[in-house]
PDB file of N, CA and C in Angstrom:
ATOM      1  N   MET A   1      -8.957 -21.725 -22.168  1.00  0.00           N
ATOM      2  CA  MET A   1      -9.126 -20.367 -22.659  1.00  0.00           C
ATOM      3  C   MET A   1      -9.042 -19.391 -21.482  1.00  0.00           C
ATOM      4  N   ALA A   2      -8.213 -18.375 -21.617  1.00  0.00           N
ATOM      5  CA  ALA A   2      -8.063 -17.383 -20.544  1.00  0.00           C
ATOM      6  C   ALA A   2      -9.251 -16.432 -20.539  1.00  0.00           C
ATOM      7  N   SER A   3      -9.679 -16.086 -19.346  1.00  0.00           N
ATOM      8  CA  SER A   3     -10.764 -15.126 -19.251  1.00  0.00           C
ATOM      9  C   SER A   3     -10.187 -13.722 -19.276  1.00  0.00           C
ATOM     10  N   SER A   4     -10.974 -12.772 -19.776  1.00  0.00           N
ATOM     11  CA  SER A   4     -10.483 -11.409 -19.796  1.00  0.00           C
ATOM     12  C   SER A   4     -11.023 -10.656 -18.582  1.00  0.00           C
ATOM     13  N   ILE A   5     -10.275  -9.662 -18.169  1.00  0.00           N
ATOM     14  CA  ILE A   5     -10.675  -8.806 -17.060  1.00  0.00           C
ATOM     15  C   ILE A   5     -10.584  -7.368 -17.556  1.00  0.00           C
ATOM     16  N   GLN A   6     -11.004  -6.425 -16.739  1.00  0.00           N
ATOM     17  CA  GLN A   6     -10.965  -5.030 -17.147  1.00  0.00           C
ATOM     18  C   GLN A   6      -9.739  -4.320 -16.602  1.00  0.00           C
ATOM     19  N   CYS A   7      -9.164  -3.467 -17.422  1.00  0.00           N
ATOM     20  CA  CYS A   7      -8.077  -2.597 -17.004  1.00  0.00           C
ATOM     21  C   CYS A   7      -8.645  -1.631 -15.965  1.00  0.00           C
ATOM     22  N   PRO A   8      -8.038  -1.527 -14.782  1.00  0.00           N
ATOM     23  CA  PRO A   8      -8.578  -0.650 -13.742  1.00  0.00           C
ATOM     24  C   PRO A   8      -8.456   0.840 -14.075  1.00  0.00           C
ATOM     25  N   VAL A   9      -7.668   1.180 -15.082  1.00  0.00           N
ATOM     26  CA  VAL A   9      -7.478   2.586 -15.437  1.00  0.00           C
ATOM     27  C   VAL A   9      -8.510   3.048 -16.460  1.00  0.00           C
ATOM     28  N   CYS A  10      -8.673   2.286 -17.556  1.00  0.00           N
ATOM     29  CA  CYS A  10      -9.551   2.745 -18.634  1.00  0.00           C
ATOM     30  C   CYS A  10     -10.759   1.851 -18.877  1.00  0.00           C
ATOM     31  N   GLY A  11     -10.773   0.644 -18.282  1.00  0.00           N
ATOM     32  CA  GLY A  11     -11.928  -0.238 -18.429  1.00  0.00           C
ATOM     33  C   GLY A  11     -11.894  -1.170 -19.621  1.00  0.00           C
ATOM     34  N   MET A  12     -10.848  -1.108 -20.436  1.00  0.00           N
ATOM     35  CA  MET A  12     -10.757  -2.013 -21.583  1.00  0.00           C
ATOM     36  C   MET A  12     -10.535  -3.446 -21.116  1.00  0.00           C
ATOM     37  N   ALA A  13     -10.982  -4.404 -21.919  1.00  0.00           N
ATOM     38  CA  ALA A  13     -10.765  -5.817 -21.619  1.00  0.00           C
ATOM     39  C   ALA A  13      -9.296  -6.152 -21.846  1.00  0.00           C
ATOM     40  N   VAL A  14      -8.719  -6.927 -20.930  1.00  0.00           N
ATOM     41  CA  VAL A  14      -7.330  -7.357 -21.046  1.00  0.00           C
ATOM     42  C   VAL A  14      -7.226  -8.842 -20.753  1.00  0.00           C
ATOM     43  N   ASP A  15      -6.222  -9.469 -21.314  1.00  0.00           N
ATOM     44  CA  ASP A  15      -5.926 -10.875 -21.037  1.00  0.00           C
ATOM     45  C   ASP A  15      -4.846 -10.887 -19.955  1.00  0.00           C
ATOM     46  N   PRO A  16      -5.170 -11.330 -18.745  1.00  0.00           N
ATOM     47  CA  PRO A  16      -4.191 -11.287 -17.656  1.00  0.00           C
ATOM     48  C   PRO A  16      -2.955 -12.154 -17.901  1.00  0.00           C
ATOM     49  N   GLN A  17      -3.018 -13.060 -18.857  1.00  0.00           N
ATOM     50  CA  GLN A  17      -1.870 -13.905 -19.175  1.00  0.00           C
ATOM     51  C   GLN A  17      -0.777 -13.132 -19.927  1.00  0.00           C
ATOM     52  N   THR A  18      -1.158 -12.111 -20.681  1.00  0.00           N
ATOM     53  CA  THR A  18      -0.205 -11.398 -21.524  1.00  0.00           C
ATOM     54  C   THR A  18      -0.094  -9.910 -21.214  1.00  0.00           C
ATOM     55  N   ALA A  19      -0.967  -9.378 -20.381  1.00  0.00           N
ATOM     56  CA  ALA A  19      -1.016  -7.942 -20.113  1.00  0.00           C
ATOM     57  C   ALA A  19       0.069  -7.493 -19.138  1.00  0.00           C
ATOM     58  N   PRO A  20       0.504  -6.227 -19.246  1.00  0.00           N
ATOM     59  CA  PRO A  20       1.395  -5.676 -18.219  1.00  0.00           C
ATOM     60  C   PRO A  20       0.670  -5.685 -16.878  1.00  0.00           C
ATOM     61  N   SER A  21       1.406  -5.821 -15.785  1.00  0.00           N
ATOM     62  CA  SER A  21       0.759  -5.879 -14.475  1.00  0.00           C
ATOM     63  C   SER A  21       1.551  -5.127 -13.427  1.00  0.00           C
ATOM     64  N   ALA A  22       0.887  -4.859 -12.314  1.00  0.00           N
ATOM     65  CA  ALA A  22       1.518  -4.218 -11.163  1.00  0.00           C
ATOM     66  C   ALA A  22       0.772  -4.670  -9.917  1.00  0.00           C
ATOM     67  N   SER A  23       1.470  -4.660  -8.797  1.00  0.00           N
ATOM     68  CA  SER A  23       0.851  -5.050  -7.530  1.00  0.00           C
ATOM     69  C   SER A  23       0.624  -3.830  -6.658  1.00  0.00           C
ATOM     70  N   TYR A  24      -0.459  -3.875  -5.907  1.00  0.00           N
ATOM     71  CA  TYR A  24      -0.778  -2.817  -4.958  1.00  0.00           C
ATOM     72  C   TYR A  24      -1.612  -3.427  -3.853  1.00  0.00           C
ATOM     73  N   ASP A  25      -1.240  -3.200  -2.615  1.00  0.00           N
ATOM     74  CA  ASP A  25      -1.997  -3.674  -1.456  1.00  0.00           C
ATOM     75  C   ASP A  25      -2.266  -5.180  -1.530  1.00  0.00           C
ATOM     76  N   ASP A  26      -1.210  -5.957  -1.853  1.00  0.00           N
ATOM     77  CA  ASP A  26      -1.273  -7.421  -1.961  1.00  0.00           C
ATOM     78  C   ASP A  26      -2.219  -7.926  -3.040  1.00  0.00           C
ATOM     79  N   GLN A  27      -2.506  -7.121  -4.048  1.00  0.00           N
ATOM     80  CA  GLN A  27      -3.373  -7.508  -5.169  1.00  0.00           C
ATOM     81  C   GLN A  27      -2.609  -7.213  -6.457  1.00  0.00           C
ATOM     82  N   THR A  28      -2.742  -8.090  -7.442  1.00  0.00           N
ATOM     83  CA  THR A  28      -2.114  -7.862  -8.741  1.00  0.00           C
ATOM     84  C   THR A  28      -3.161  -7.366  -9.723  1.00  0.00           C
ATOM     85  N   TYR A  29      -2.829  -6.310 -10.437  1.00  0.00           N
ATOM     86  CA  TYR A  29      -3.729  -5.708 -11.420  1.00  0.00           C
ATOM     87  C   TYR A  29      -3.099  -5.821 -12.798  1.00  0.00           C
ATOM     88  N   SER A  30      -3.933  -6.069 -13.813  1.00  0.00           N
ATOM     89  CA  SER A  30      -3.467  -6.176 -15.193  1.00  0.00           C
ATOM     90  C   SER A  30      -3.998  -4.991 -15.991  1.00  0.00           C
ATOM     91  N   PHE A  31      -3.209  -4.574 -17.006  1.00  0.00           N
ATOM     92  CA  PHE A  31      -3.522  -3.360 -17.750  1.00  0.00           C
ATOM     93  C   PHE A  31      -3.514  -3.606 -19.245  1.00  0.00           C
ATOM     94  N   CYS A  32      -4.241  -2.757 -19.976  1.00  0.00           N
ATOM     95  CA  CYS A  32      -4.313  -2.893 -21.432  1.00  0.00           C
ATOM     96  C   CYS A  32      -3.048  -2.397 -22.109  1.00  0.00           C
ATOM     97  N   SER A  33      -2.284  -1.532 -21.424  1.00  0.00           N
ATOM     98  CA  SER A  33      -1.079  -0.956 -22.029  1.00  0.00           C
ATOM     99  C   SER A  33      -0.105  -0.525 -20.939  1.00  0.00           C
ATOM    100  N   GLU A  34       1.133  -0.263 -21.351  1.00  0.00           N
ATOM    101  CA  GLU A  34       2.124   0.260 -20.414  1.00  0.00           C
ATOM    102  C   GLU A  34       1.727   1.643 -19.918  1.00  0.00           C
ATOM    103  N   GLU A  35       1.065   2.444 -20.776  1.00  0.00           N
ATOM    104  CA  GLU A  35       0.637   3.777 -20.348  1.00  0.00           C
ATOM    105  C   GLU A  35      -0.344   3.686 -19.183  1.00  0.00           C
ATOM    106  N   CYS A  36      -1.310   2.778 -19.269  1.00  0.00           N
ATOM    107  CA  CYS A  36      -2.271   2.612 -18.171  1.00  0.00           C
ATOM    108  C   CYS A  36      -1.568   2.081 -16.928  1.00  0.00           C
ATOM    109  N   ARG A  37      -0.612   1.174 -17.101  1.00  0.00           N
ATOM    110  CA  ARG A  37       0.148   0.665 -15.955  1.00  0.00           C
ATOM    111  C   ARG A  37       0.897   1.804 -15.268  1.00  0.00           C
ATOM    112  N   GLU A  38       1.545   2.658 -16.055  1.00  0.00           N
ATOM    113  CA  GLU A  38       2.301   3.777 -15.489  1.00  0.00           C
ATOM    114  C   GLU A  38       1.388   4.757 -14.746  1.00  0.00           C
ATOM    115  N   ARG A  39       0.203   5.023 -15.300  1.00  0.00           N
ATOM    116  CA  ARG A  39      -0.762   5.903 -14.619  1.00  0.00           C
ATOM    117  C   ARG A  39      -1.179   5.297 -13.289  1.00  0.00           C
ATOM    118  N   PHE A  40      -1.408   3.984 -13.267  1.00  0.00           N
ATOM    119  CA  PHE A  40      -1.803   3.296 -12.048  1.00  0.00           C
ATOM    120  C   PHE A  40      -0.698   3.353 -11.000  1.00  0.00           C
ATOM    121  N   VAL A  41       0.528   3.042 -11.404  1.00  0.00           N
ATOM    122  CA  VAL A  41       1.652   3.020 -10.477  1.00  0.00           C
ATOM    123  C   VAL A  41       1.872   4.401  -9.858  1.00  0.00           C
ATOM    124  N   ALA A  42       1.626   5.465 -10.612  1.00  0.00           N
ATOM    125  CA  ALA A  42       1.809   6.817 -10.107  1.00  0.00           C
ATOM    126  C   ALA A  42       0.810   7.168  -9.006  1.00  0.00           C
ATOM    127  N   ASP A  43      -0.405   6.593  -9.051  1.00  0.00           N
ATOM    128  CA  ASP A  43      -1.433   6.915  -8.061  1.00  0.00           C
ATOM    129  C   ASP A  43      -2.451   5.777  -7.965  1.00  0.00           C
ATOM    130  N   PRO A  44      -2.057   4.620  -7.425  1.00  0.00           N
ATOM    131  CA  PRO A  44      -2.945   3.446  -7.414  1.00  0.00           C
ATOM    132  C   PRO A  44      -4.240   3.666  -6.638  1.00  0.00           C
ATOM    133  N   GLY A  45      -4.201   4.434  -5.580  1.00  0.00           N
ATOM    134  CA  GLY A  45      -5.404   4.639  -4.776  1.00  0.00           C
ATOM    135  C   GLY A  45      -6.553   5.262  -5.547  1.00  0.00           C
ATOM    136  N   SER A  46      -6.254   6.066  -6.542  1.00  0.00           N
ATOM    137  CA  SER A  46      -7.325   6.688  -7.309  1.00  0.00           C
ATOM    138  C   SER A  46      -8.025   5.704  -8.238  1.00  0.00           C
ATOM    139  N   PHE A  47      -7.401   4.553  -8.493  1.00  0.00           N
ATOM    140  CA  PHE A  47      -7.993   3.562  -9.392  1.00  0.00           C
ATOM    141  C   PHE A  47      -8.621   2.368  -8.684  1.00  0.00           C
ATOM    142  N   VAL A  48      -8.321   2.178  -7.403  1.00  0.00           N
ATOM    143  CA  VAL A  48      -8.890   1.038  -6.679  1.00  0.00           C
ATOM    144  C   VAL A  48      -9.907   1.459  -5.635  1.00  0.00           C
ATOM    145  N   GLY A  49     -10.278   2.723  -5.630  1.00  0.00           N
ATOM    146  CA  GLY A  49     -11.380   3.170  -4.775  1.00  0.00           C
ATOM    147  C   GLY A  49     -11.016   3.532  -3.346  1.00  0.00           C
ATOM    148  N   ASN A  50      -9.739   3.670  -3.033  1.00  0.00           N
ATOM    149  CA  ASN A  50      -9.370   4.090  -1.691  1.00  0.00           C
ATOM    150  C   ASN A  50      -9.712   5.562  -1.516  1.00  0.00           C
ATOM    151  N   THR A  51     -10.413   5.871  -0.452  1.00  0.00           N
ATOM    152  CA  THR A  51     -10.824   7.236  -0.237  1.00  0.00           C
ATOM    153  C   THR A  51     -10.049   7.912   0.876  1.00  0.00           C
ATOM    154  N   GLY A  52      -9.160   7.188   1.527  1.00  0.00           N
ATOM    155  CA  GLY A  52      -8.385   7.774   2.614  1.00  0.00           C
ATOM    156  C   GLY A  52      -9.256   7.977   3.847  1.00  0.00           C
ATOM    157  N   SER A  53      -9.120   9.116   4.517  1.00  0.00           N
ATOM    158  CA  SER A  53      -9.884   9.359   5.742  1.00  0.00           C
ATOM    159  C   SER A  53     -11.228   9.729   5.433  1.00  0.00           C
TER     160      SER A  53
END
């Protein structure tokens, strides 16, 4: 049985086996929808906690 994880954009539970995904900073992230994936790809740092300087 696959475990579910949270979409980094909206927090919904997703199945990483079937969910859309994208990579950022050598990490793969899974999303509940293509819309959340597109939002993440446009500005990944805002969803993974990078604060810059």
